[in-house]
Amino acid sequence: FTTRGQLVPPLLFEDGLKWLRNPSRDKNVKLIVRLLHQACLQLIWKEINSRIHTDVARPPEAIFA
């Protein structure tokens, strides 16, 4: 996706947050990138809540599978 959309996301977290403001000139690509970012945040938040409230932790392979 990143090569086809001619996207070059930065490696550092803070730079990535700045990059998310304007990842592409194409508004459709920009929307997809932002939706993917929100989906990742939701997945991480769900896992954190699960670990806090149920004491059940899944391995990283199961989370991102």
Protein backbone atom coordinates (compact mmCIF):
# COMPACT_ATOMS: atom_id res chain seq x y z
CA PHE A 1 0.00 0.00 0.00
CA THR A 2 2.73 2.46 0.91
CA THR A 3 4.63 1.94 -2.34
CA ARG A 4 1.59 2.14 -4.56
CA GLY A 5 0.35 5.25 -2.77
CA GLN A 6 3.87 6.72 -2.95
CA LEU A 7 3.93 7.04 0.84
CA VAL A 8 7.10 7.21 2.90
CA PRO A 9 6.09 7.04 6.57
CA PRO A 10 8.77 8.15 9.04
CA LEU A 11 10.36 5.70 11.45
CA LEU A 12 10.21 7.79 14.64
CA PHE A 13 6.92 8.00 16.56
CA GLU A 14 6.81 11.79 16.90
CA ASP A 15 7.68 12.26 13.24
CA GLY A 16 4.92 9.80 12.38
CA LEU A 17 2.37 11.87 14.26
CA LYS A 18 3.42 14.96 12.32
CA TRP A 19 3.29 12.98 9.07
CA LEU A 20 -0.29 11.85 9.78
CA ARG A 21 -1.47 15.45 9.41
CA ASN A 22 -0.73 15.33 5.70
CA PRO A 23 0.48 11.90 4.50
CA SER A 24 -0.52 12.39 0.86
CA ARG A 25 -1.93 14.91 -1.59
CA ASP A 26 -4.63 12.41 -2.58
CA LYS A 27 -7.59 12.87 -0.24
CA ASN A 28 -8.62 9.20 -0.57
CA VAL A 29 -5.16 7.96 0.41
CA LYS A 30 -5.11 10.46 3.27
CA LEU A 31 -8.45 9.10 4.54
CA ILE A 32 -7.29 5.47 4.31
CA VAL A 33 -4.06 6.23 6.20
CA ARG A 34 -5.98 8.00 8.95
CA LEU A 35 -8.52 5.17 9.22
CA LEU A 36 -5.70 2.63 9.48
CA HIS A 37 -4.09 4.70 12.22
CA GLN A 38 -7.37 4.88 14.16
CA ALA A 39 -7.91 1.13 13.75
CA CYS A 40 -4.44 0.44 15.18
CA LEU A 41 -5.08 2.74 18.13
CA GLN A 42 -8.41 1.02 18.81
CA LEU A 43 -6.76 -2.41 18.71
CA ILE A 44 -4.04 -1.34 21.14
CA TRP A 45 -6.57 0.34 23.46
CA LYS A 46 -8.72 -2.81 23.47
CA GLU A 47 -5.72 -4.95 24.40
CA ILE A 48 -4.68 -2.58 27.20
CA ASN A 49 -8.20 -2.62 28.64
CA SER A 50 -8.29 -6.41 28.44
CA ARG A 51 -5.02 -6.69 30.34
CA ILE A 52 -6.16 -4.23 33.02
CA HIS A 53 -9.70 -5.49 33.58
CA THR A 54 -9.45 -9.24 32.93
CA ASP A 55 -5.77 -10.01 33.54
CA VAL A 56 -5.69 -11.75 30.17
CA ALA A 57 -2.77 -10.88 27.92
CA ARG A 58 -2.40 -12.12 24.37
CA PRO A 59 1.01 -12.47 22.69
CA PRO A 60 1.86 -9.85 20.03
CA GLU A 61 1.47 -12.44 17.27
CA ALA A 62 -2.17 -12.97 18.26
CA ILE A 63 -2.93 -9.26 18.48
CA PHE A 64 -1.69 -8.35 15.01
CA ALA A 65 -2.66 -11.57 13.23
